[in-house]
Amino acid sequence: MPDMSASVSLAVTHLVPLAKEVDQNKVTPGVLGFIVFAVMALAVWGLMKSMSKHMQRVDFKEAPDTEGEKAGQKAGPSAQRG
């Protein structure tokens, strides 16, 4: 596996001068940050709406297990003790 430290240090040396040019008092997320946040908010809203629709379709009442009861009755009380 190649050593990644050389490429990382090269990238950092090129990015450090760019970071010094930015005024630290005026750094804002900007339009791109707002767009990313809005897209994420819409995605969460869509997922919650879809989950709500799917949860309404779920039937929480458990159907009786007729096969398990029949097998338990045939085996006798010793099998049911566990």
PDB file of N, CA and C in Angstrom:
ATOM      1  N   MET A   1       0.847  -1.167   0.000  1.00  0.00           N
ATOM      2  CA  MET A   1       0.000   0.000   0.000  1.00  0.00           C
ATOM      3  C   MET A   1       0.897   1.235   0.000  1.00  0.00           C
ATOM      4  N   PRO A   2       0.640   2.210  -0.871  1.00  0.00           N
ATOM      5  CA  PRO A   2       1.493   3.392  -0.931  1.00  0.00           C
ATOM      6  C   PRO A   2       1.289   4.278   0.290  1.00  0.00           C
ATOM      7  N   ASP A   3       2.345   5.013   0.603  1.00  0.00           N
ATOM      8  CA  ASP A   3       2.298   5.911   1.747  1.00  0.00           C
ATOM      9  C   ASP A   3       1.529   7.171   1.362  1.00  0.00           C
ATOM     10  N   MET A   4       0.483   7.480   2.105  1.00  0.00           N
ATOM     11  CA  MET A   4      -0.382   8.611   1.774  1.00  0.00           C
ATOM     12  C   MET A   4       0.080   9.914   2.431  1.00  0.00           C
ATOM     13  N   SER A   5       1.041   9.839   3.325  1.00  0.00           N
ATOM     14  CA  SER A   5       1.438  11.042   4.055  1.00  0.00           C
ATOM     15  C   SER A   5       2.057  12.092   3.128  1.00  0.00           C
ATOM     16  N   ALA A   6       2.762  11.679   2.089  1.00  0.00           N
ATOM     17  CA  ALA A   6       3.381  12.634   1.171  1.00  0.00           C
ATOM     18  C   ALA A   6       2.314  13.419   0.415  1.00  0.00           C
ATOM     19  N   SER A   7       1.283  12.736  -0.060  1.00  0.00           N
ATOM     20  CA  SER A   7       0.242  13.431  -0.811  1.00  0.00           C
ATOM     21  C   SER A   7      -0.604  14.319   0.106  1.00  0.00           C
ATOM     22  N   VAL A   8      -0.804  13.880   1.347  1.00  0.00           N
ATOM     23  CA  VAL A   8      -1.576  14.691   2.294  1.00  0.00           C
ATOM     24  C   VAL A   8      -0.806  15.954   2.645  1.00  0.00           C
ATOM     25  N   SER A   9       0.485  15.822   2.910  1.00  0.00           N
ATOM     26  CA  SER A   9       1.272  17.010   3.253  1.00  0.00           C
ATOM     27  C   SER A   9       1.373  17.967   2.065  1.00  0.00           C
ATOM     28  N   LEU A  10       1.425  17.446   0.855  1.00  0.00           N
ATOM     29  CA  LEU A  10       1.449  18.293  -0.337  1.00  0.00           C
ATOM     30  C   LEU A  10       0.139  19.058  -0.467  1.00  0.00           C
ATOM     31  N   ALA A  11      -0.983  18.394  -0.226  1.00  0.00           N
ATOM     32  CA  ALA A  11      -2.284  19.054  -0.312  1.00  0.00           C
ATOM     33  C   ALA A  11      -2.426  20.121   0.763  1.00  0.00           C
ATOM     34  N   VAL A  12      -1.942  19.841   1.954  1.00  0.00           N
ATOM     35  CA  VAL A  12      -2.048  20.800   3.050  1.00  0.00           C
ATOM     36  C   VAL A  12      -1.203  22.038   2.769  1.00  0.00           C
ATOM     37  N   THR A  13      -0.030  21.852   2.202  1.00  0.00           N
ATOM     38  CA  THR A  13       0.828  23.008   1.916  1.00  0.00           C
ATOM     39  C   THR A  13       0.210  23.914   0.855  1.00  0.00           C
ATOM     40  N   HIS A  14      -0.593  23.347  -0.046  1.00  0.00           N
ATOM     41  CA  HIS A  14      -1.258  24.172  -1.059  1.00  0.00           C
ATOM     42  C   HIS A  14      -2.507  24.852  -0.501  1.00  0.00           C
ATOM     43  N   LEU A  15      -3.158  24.251   0.488  1.00  0.00           N
ATOM     44  CA  LEU A  15      -4.393  24.813   1.029  1.00  0.00           C
ATOM     45  C   LEU A  15      -4.159  25.849   2.127  1.00  0.00           C
ATOM     46  N   VAL A  16      -3.039  25.786   2.806  1.00  0.00           N
ATOM     47  CA  VAL A  16      -2.777  26.723   3.898  1.00  0.00           C
ATOM     48  C   VAL A  16      -2.715  28.165   3.398  1.00  0.00           C
ATOM     49  N   PRO A  17      -2.037  28.471   2.299  1.00  0.00           N
ATOM     50  CA  PRO A  17      -2.045  29.870   1.828  1.00  0.00           C
ATOM     51  C   PRO A  17      -3.441  30.340   1.429  1.00  0.00           C
ATOM     52  N   LEU A  18      -4.283  29.451   0.917  1.00  0.00           N
ATOM     53  CA  LEU A  18      -5.640  29.845   0.554  1.00  0.00           C
ATOM     54  C   LEU A  18      -6.458  30.175   1.800  1.00  0.00           C
ATOM     55  N   ALA A  19      -6.225  29.463   2.870  1.00  0.00           N
ATOM     56  CA  ALA A  19      -6.959  29.718   4.110  1.00  0.00           C
ATOM     57  C   ALA A  19      -6.539  31.039   4.729  1.00  0.00           C
ATOM     58  N   LYS A  20      -5.306  31.454   4.544  1.00  0.00           N
ATOM     59  CA  LYS A  20      -4.846  32.715   5.127  1.00  0.00           C
ATOM     60  C   LYS A  20      -5.433  33.914   4.395  1.00  0.00           C
ATOM     61  N   GLU A  21      -5.839  33.736   3.135  1.00  0.00           N
ATOM     62  CA  GLU A  21      -6.411  34.830   2.361  1.00  0.00           C
ATOM     63  C   GLU A  21      -7.836  35.164   2.791  1.00  0.00           C
ATOM     64  N   VAL A  22      -8.528  34.225   3.416  1.00  0.00           N
ATOM     65  CA  VAL A  22      -9.910  34.427   3.817  1.00  0.00           C
ATOM     66  C   VAL A  22      -9.946  35.226   5.116  1.00  0.00           C
ATOM     67  N   ASP A  23     -10.772  36.256   5.151  1.00  0.00           N
ATOM     68  CA  ASP A  23     -10.938  37.049   6.370  1.00  0.00           C
ATOM     69  C   ASP A  23     -11.763  36.233   7.353  1.00  0.00           C
ATOM     70  N   GLN A  24     -11.209  35.949   8.526  1.00  0.00           N
ATOM     71  CA  GLN A  24     -11.867  35.079   9.488  1.00  0.00           C
ATOM     72  C   GLN A  24     -13.118  35.717  10.082  1.00  0.00           C
ATOM     73  N   ASN A  25     -13.262  37.025   9.995  1.00  0.00           N
ATOM     74  CA  ASN A  25     -14.446  37.694  10.530  1.00  0.00           C
ATOM     75  C   ASN A  25     -15.624  37.667   9.563  1.00  0.00           C
ATOM     76  N   LYS A  26     -15.386  37.297   8.320  1.00  0.00           N
ATOM     77  CA  LYS A  26     -16.443  37.326   7.308  1.00  0.00           C
ATOM     78  C   LYS A  26     -16.729  35.965   6.700  1.00  0.00           C
ATOM     79  N   VAL A  27     -16.340  34.907   7.363  1.00  0.00           N
ATOM     80  CA  VAL A  27     -16.581  33.574   6.832  1.00  0.00           C
ATOM     81  C   VAL A  27     -18.028  33.190   7.107  1.00  0.00           C
ATOM     82  N   THR A  28     -18.770  32.886   6.057  1.00  0.00           N
ATOM     83  CA  THR A  28     -20.170  32.470   6.172  1.00  0.00           C
ATOM     84  C   THR A  28     -20.390  31.231   5.313  1.00  0.00           C
ATOM     85  N   PRO A  29     -21.453  30.478   5.577  1.00  0.00           N
ATOM     86  CA  PRO A  29     -21.704  29.303   4.756  1.00  0.00           C
ATOM     87  C   PRO A  29     -22.076  29.655   3.320  1.00  0.00           C
ATOM     88  N   GLY A  30     -22.648  30.810   3.102  1.00  0.00           N
ATOM     89  CA  GLY A  30     -22.953  31.261   1.754  1.00  0.00           C
ATOM     90  C   GLY A  30     -24.141  30.554   1.145  1.00  0.00           C
ATOM     91  N   VAL A  31     -24.294  30.747  -0.142  1.00  0.00           N
ATOM     92  CA  VAL A  31     -25.422  30.190  -0.881  1.00  0.00           C
ATOM     93  C   VAL A  31     -25.321  28.669  -0.954  1.00  0.00           C
ATOM     94  N   LEU A  32     -24.129  28.170  -1.159  1.00  0.00           N
ATOM     95  CA  LEU A  32     -23.954  26.716  -1.254  1.00  0.00           C
ATOM     96  C   LEU A  32     -24.347  26.035   0.053  1.00  0.00           C
ATOM     97  N   GLY A  33     -23.980  26.618   1.169  1.00  0.00           N
ATOM     98  CA  GLY A  33     -24.371  26.054   2.463  1.00  0.00           C
ATOM     99  C   GLY A  33     -25.880  26.047   2.642  1.00  0.00           C
ATOM    100  N   PHE A  34     -26.545  27.118   2.217  1.00  0.00           N
ATOM    101  CA  PHE A  34     -28.000  27.182   2.306  1.00  0.00           C
ATOM    102  C   PHE A  34     -28.649  26.135   1.411  1.00  0.00           C
ATOM    103  N   ILE A  35     -28.123  25.967   0.199  1.00  0.00           N
ATOM    104  CA  ILE A  35     -28.699  24.985  -0.722  1.00  0.00           C
ATOM    105  C   ILE A  35     -28.543  23.575  -0.170  1.00  0.00           C
ATOM    106  N   VAL A  36     -27.369  23.262   0.367  1.00  0.00           N
ATOM    107  CA  VAL A  36     -27.148  21.930   0.941  1.00  0.00           C
ATOM    108  C   VAL A  36     -28.087  21.698   2.117  1.00  0.00           C
ATOM    109  N   PHE A  37     -28.236  22.696   2.990  1.00  0.00           N
ATOM    110  CA  PHE A  37     -29.135  22.573   4.140  1.00  0.00           C
ATOM    111  C   PHE A  37     -30.581  22.400   3.682  1.00  0.00           C
ATOM    112  N   ALA A  38     -31.010  23.151   2.686  1.00  0.00           N
ATOM    113  CA  ALA A  38     -32.380  23.052   2.194  1.00  0.00           C
ATOM    114  C   ALA A  38     -32.649  21.691   1.569  1.00  0.00           C
ATOM    115  N   VAL A  39     -31.697  21.167   0.811  1.00  0.00           N
ATOM    116  CA  VAL A  39     -31.866  19.842   0.206  1.00  0.00           C
ATOM    117  C   VAL A  39     -31.954  18.767   1.286  1.00  0.00           C
ATOM    118  N   MET A  40     -31.111  18.879   2.306  1.00  0.00           N
ATOM    119  CA  MET A  40     -31.161  17.903   3.391  1.00  0.00           C
ATOM    120  C   MET A  40     -32.484  17.999   4.144  1.00  0.00           C
ATOM    121  N   ALA A  41     -32.992  19.202   4.363  1.00  0.00           N
ATOM    122  CA  ALA A  41     -34.273  19.377   5.051  1.00  0.00           C
ATOM    123  C   ALA A  41     -35.407  18.775   4.232  1.00  0.00           C
ATOM    124  N   LEU A  42     -35.394  18.989   2.927  1.00  0.00           N
ATOM    125  CA  LEU A  42     -36.430  18.400   2.066  1.00  0.00           C
ATOM    126  C   LEU A  42     -36.342  16.875   2.052  1.00  0.00           C
ATOM    127  N   ALA A  43     -35.131  16.343   2.074  1.00  0.00           N
ATOM    128  CA  ALA A  43     -34.969  14.892   2.088  1.00  0.00           C
ATOM    129  C   ALA A  43     -35.502  14.295   3.386  1.00  0.00           C
ATOM    130  N   VAL A  44     -35.218  14.935   4.511  1.00  0.00           N
ATOM    131  CA  VAL A  44     -35.726  14.445   5.798  1.00  0.00           C
ATOM    132  C   VAL A  44     -37.246  14.537   5.833  1.00  0.00           C
ATOM    133  N   TRP A  45     -37.803  15.618   5.323  1.00  0.00           N
ATOM    134  CA  TRP A  45     -39.258  15.774   5.288  1.00  0.00           C
ATOM    135  C   TRP A  45     -39.889  14.673   4.428  1.00  0.00           C
ATOM    136  N   GLY A  46     -39.305  14.396   3.278  1.00  0.00           N
ATOM    137  CA  GLY A  46     -39.822  13.334   2.414  1.00  0.00           C
ATOM    138  C   GLY A  46     -39.726  11.961   3.061  1.00  0.00           C
ATOM    139  N   LEU A  47     -38.609  11.701   3.733  1.00  0.00           N
ATOM    140  CA  LEU A  47     -38.457  10.413   4.415  1.00  0.00           C
ATOM    141  C   LEU A  47     -39.459  10.259   5.551  1.00  0.00           C
ATOM    142  N   MET A  48     -39.697  11.312   6.311  1.00  0.00           N
ATOM    143  CA  MET A  48     -40.660  11.248   7.404  1.00  0.00           C
ATOM    144  C   MET A  48     -42.079  11.040   6.875  1.00  0.00           C
ATOM    145  N   LYS A  49     -42.418  11.679   5.781  1.00  0.00           N
ATOM    146  CA  LYS A  49     -43.738  11.511   5.176  1.00  0.00           C
ATOM    147  C   LYS A  49     -43.908  10.083   4.669  1.00  0.00           C
ATOM    148  N   SER A  50     -42.884   9.546   4.042  1.00  0.00           N
ATOM    149  CA  SER A  50     -42.934   8.171   3.554  1.00  0.00           C
ATOM    150  C   SER A  50     -43.030   7.188   4.713  1.00  0.00           C
ATOM    151  N   MET A  51     -42.266   7.419   5.781  1.00  0.00           N
ATOM    152  CA  MET A  51     -42.317   6.524   6.935  1.00  0.00           C
ATOM    153  C   MET A  51     -43.697   6.554   7.579  1.00  0.00           C
ATOM    154  N   SER A  52     -44.295   7.728   7.658  1.00  0.00           N
ATOM    155  CA  SER A  52     -45.626   7.852   8.240  1.00  0.00           C
ATOM    156  C   SER A  52     -46.640   7.071   7.419  1.00  0.00           C
ATOM    157  N   LYS A  53     -46.530   7.157   6.098  1.00  0.00           N
ATOM    158  CA  LYS A  53     -47.454   6.428   5.227  1.00  0.00           C
ATOM    159  C   LYS A  53     -47.274   4.922   5.388  1.00  0.00           C
ATOM    160  N   HIS A  54     -46.029   4.460   5.491  1.00  0.00           N
ATOM    161  CA  HIS A  54     -45.772   3.029   5.644  1.00  0.00           C
ATOM    162  C   HIS A  54     -46.204   2.523   7.027  1.00  0.00           C
ATOM    163  N   MET A  55     -46.031   3.341   8.051  1.00  0.00           N
ATOM    164  CA  MET A  55     -46.423   2.921   9.396  1.00  0.00           C
ATOM    165  C   MET A  55     -47.937   2.816   9.533  1.00  0.00           C
ATOM    166  N   GLN A  56     -48.698   3.592   8.757  1.00  0.00           N
ATOM    167  CA  GLN A  56     -50.149   3.488   8.798  1.00  0.00           C
ATOM    168  C   GLN A  56     -50.629   2.181   8.186  1.00  0.00           C
ATOM    169  N   ARG A  57     -49.860   1.598   7.306  1.00  0.00           N
ATOM    170  CA  ARG A  57     -50.228   0.331   6.668  1.00  0.00           C
ATOM    171  C   ARG A  57     -49.924  -0.886   7.533  1.00  0.00           C
ATOM    172  N   VAL A  58     -49.128  -0.718   8.565  1.00  0.00           N
ATOM    173  CA  VAL A  58     -48.712  -1.840   9.398  1.00  0.00           C
ATOM    174  C   VAL A  58     -49.871  -2.266  10.294  1.00  0.00           C
ATOM    175  N   ASP A  59     -50.125  -3.581  10.335  1.00  0.00           N
ATOM    176  CA  ASP A  59     -51.135  -4.130  11.207  1.00  0.00           C
ATOM    177  C   ASP A  59     -50.420  -4.713  12.419  1.00  0.00           C
ATOM    178  N   PHE A  60     -50.635  -4.105  13.587  1.00  0.00           N
ATOM    179  CA  PHE A  60     -49.904  -4.517  14.772  1.00  0.00           C
ATOM    180  C   PHE A  60     -50.542  -5.695  15.494  1.00  0.00           C
ATOM    181  N   LYS A  61     -51.741  -6.108  15.085  1.00  0.00           N
ATOM    182  CA  LYS A  61     -52.387  -7.249  15.734  1.00  0.00           C
ATOM    183  C   LYS A  61     -51.758  -8.533  15.217  1.00  0.00           C
ATOM    184  N   GLU A  62     -51.315  -9.354  16.155  1.00  0.00           N
ATOM    185  CA  GLU A  62     -50.652 -10.587  15.781  1.00  0.00           C
ATOM    186  C   GLU A  62     -51.702 -11.655  15.492  1.00  0.00           C
ATOM    187  N   ALA A  63     -51.544 -12.344  14.371  1.00  0.00           N
ATOM    188  CA  ALA A  63     -52.463 -13.408  14.006  1.00  0.00           C
ATOM    189  C   ALA A  63     -52.214 -14.609  14.912  1.00  0.00           C
ATOM    190  N   PRO A  64     -53.262 -15.320  15.293  1.00  0.00           N
ATOM    191  CA  PRO A  64     -53.059 -16.495  16.153  1.00  0.00           C
ATOM    192  C   PRO A  64     -52.288 -17.583  15.411  1.00  0.00           C
ATOM    193  N   ASP A  65     -51.398 -18.218  16.134  1.00  0.00           N
ATOM    194  CA  ASP A  65     -50.552 -19.263  15.565  1.00  0.00           C
ATOM    195  C   ASP A  65     -51.244 -20.604  15.759  1.00  0.00           C
ATOM    196  N   THR A  66     -52.081 -20.975  14.797  1.00  0.00           N
ATOM    197  CA  THR A  66     -52.855 -22.211  14.938  1.00  0.00           C
ATOM    198  C   THR A  66     -51.978 -23.443  14.772  1.00  0.00           C
ATOM    199  N   GLU A  67     -50.966 -23.378  13.931  1.00  0.00           N
ATOM    200  CA  GLU A  67     -50.094 -24.542  13.725  1.00  0.00           C
ATOM    201  C   GLU A  67     -49.260 -24.817  14.971  1.00  0.00           C
ATOM    202  N   GLY A  68     -48.776 -23.782  15.624  1.00  0.00           N
ATOM    203  CA  GLY A  68     -47.977 -23.955  16.829  1.00  0.00           C
ATOM    204  C   GLY A  68     -48.799 -24.522  17.973  1.00  0.00           C
ATOM    205  N   GLU A  69     -50.054 -24.117  18.071  1.00  0.00           N
ATOM    206  CA  GLU A  69     -50.924 -24.639  19.123  1.00  0.00           C
ATOM    207  C   GLU A  69     -51.227 -26.106  18.906  1.00  0.00           C
ATOM    208  N   LYS A  70     -51.466 -26.494  17.654  1.00  0.00           N
ATOM    209  CA  LYS A  70     -51.756 -27.891  17.347  1.00  0.00           C
ATOM    210  C   LYS A  70     -50.541 -28.773  17.633  1.00  0.00           C
ATOM    211  N   ALA A  71     -49.351 -28.285  17.287  1.00  0.00           N
ATOM    212  CA  ALA A  71     -48.140 -29.067  17.533  1.00  0.00           C
ATOM    213  C   ALA A  71     -47.892 -29.189  19.036  1.00  0.00           C
ATOM    214  N   GLY A  72     -48.199 -28.157  19.804  1.00  0.00           N
ATOM    215  CA  GLY A  72     -48.024 -28.189  21.241  1.00  0.00           C
ATOM    216  C   GLY A  72     -48.989 -29.144  21.911  1.00  0.00           C
ATOM    217  N   GLN A  73     -50.195 -29.261  21.409  1.00  0.00           N
ATOM    218  CA  GLN A  73     -51.182 -30.163  21.981  1.00  0.00           C
ATOM    219  C   GLN A  73     -50.836 -31.617  21.681  1.00  0.00           C
ATOM    220  N   LYS A  74     -50.287 -31.871  20.506  1.00  0.00           N
ATOM    221  CA  LYS A  74     -49.912 -33.256  20.141  1.00  0.00           C
ATOM    222  C   LYS A  74     -48.712 -33.724  20.932  1.00  0.00           C
ATOM    223  N   ALA A  75     -47.766 -32.824  21.224  1.00  0.00           N
ATOM    224  CA  ALA A  75     -46.545 -33.216  21.913  1.00  0.00           C
ATOM    225  C   ALA A  75     -46.796 -33.477  23.389  1.00  0.00           C
ATOM    226  N   GLY A  76     -47.812 -32.895  23.944  1.00  0.00           N
ATOM    227  CA  GLY A  76     -48.120 -33.108  25.340  1.00  0.00           C
ATOM    228  C   GLY A  76     -47.526 -32.030  26.218  1.00  0.00           C
ATOM    229  N   PRO A  77     -47.820 -32.084  27.535  1.00  0.00           N
ATOM    230  CA  PRO A  77     -47.367 -31.017  28.434  1.00  0.00           C
ATOM    231  C   PRO A  77     -45.873 -31.028  28.708  1.00  0.00           C
ATOM    232  N   SER A  78     -45.187 -32.137  28.512  1.00  0.00           N
ATOM    233  CA  SER A  78     -43.749 -32.176  28.785  1.00  0.00           C
ATOM    234  C   SER A  78     -42.960 -31.331  27.780  1.00  0.00           C
ATOM    235  N   ALA A  79     -43.451 -31.201  26.572  1.00  0.00           N
ATOM    236  CA  ALA A  79     -42.757 -30.403  25.550  1.00  0.00           C
ATOM    237  C   ALA A  79     -42.948 -28.922  25.790  1.00  0.00           C
ATOM    238  N   GLN A  80     -44.010 -28.537  26.482  1.00  0.00           N
ATOM    239  CA  GLN A  80     -44.288 -27.121  26.695  1.00  0.00           C
ATOM    240  C   GLN A  80     -43.522 -26.543  27.887  1.00  0.00           C
ATOM    241  N   ARG A  81     -42.925 -27.354  28.727  1.00  0.00           N
ATOM    242  CA  ARG A  81     -42.220 -26.851  29.906  1.00  0.00           C
ATOM    243  C   ARG A  81     -40.976 -26.058  29.535  1.00  0.00           C
ATOM    244  N   GLY A  82     -40.329 -26.401  28.424  1.00  0.00           N
ATOM    245  CA  GLY A  82     -39.220 -25.633  27.913  1.00  0.00           C
ATOM    246  C   GLY A  82     -37.960 -25.929  28.573  1.00  0.00           C
TER     247      GLY A  82
END
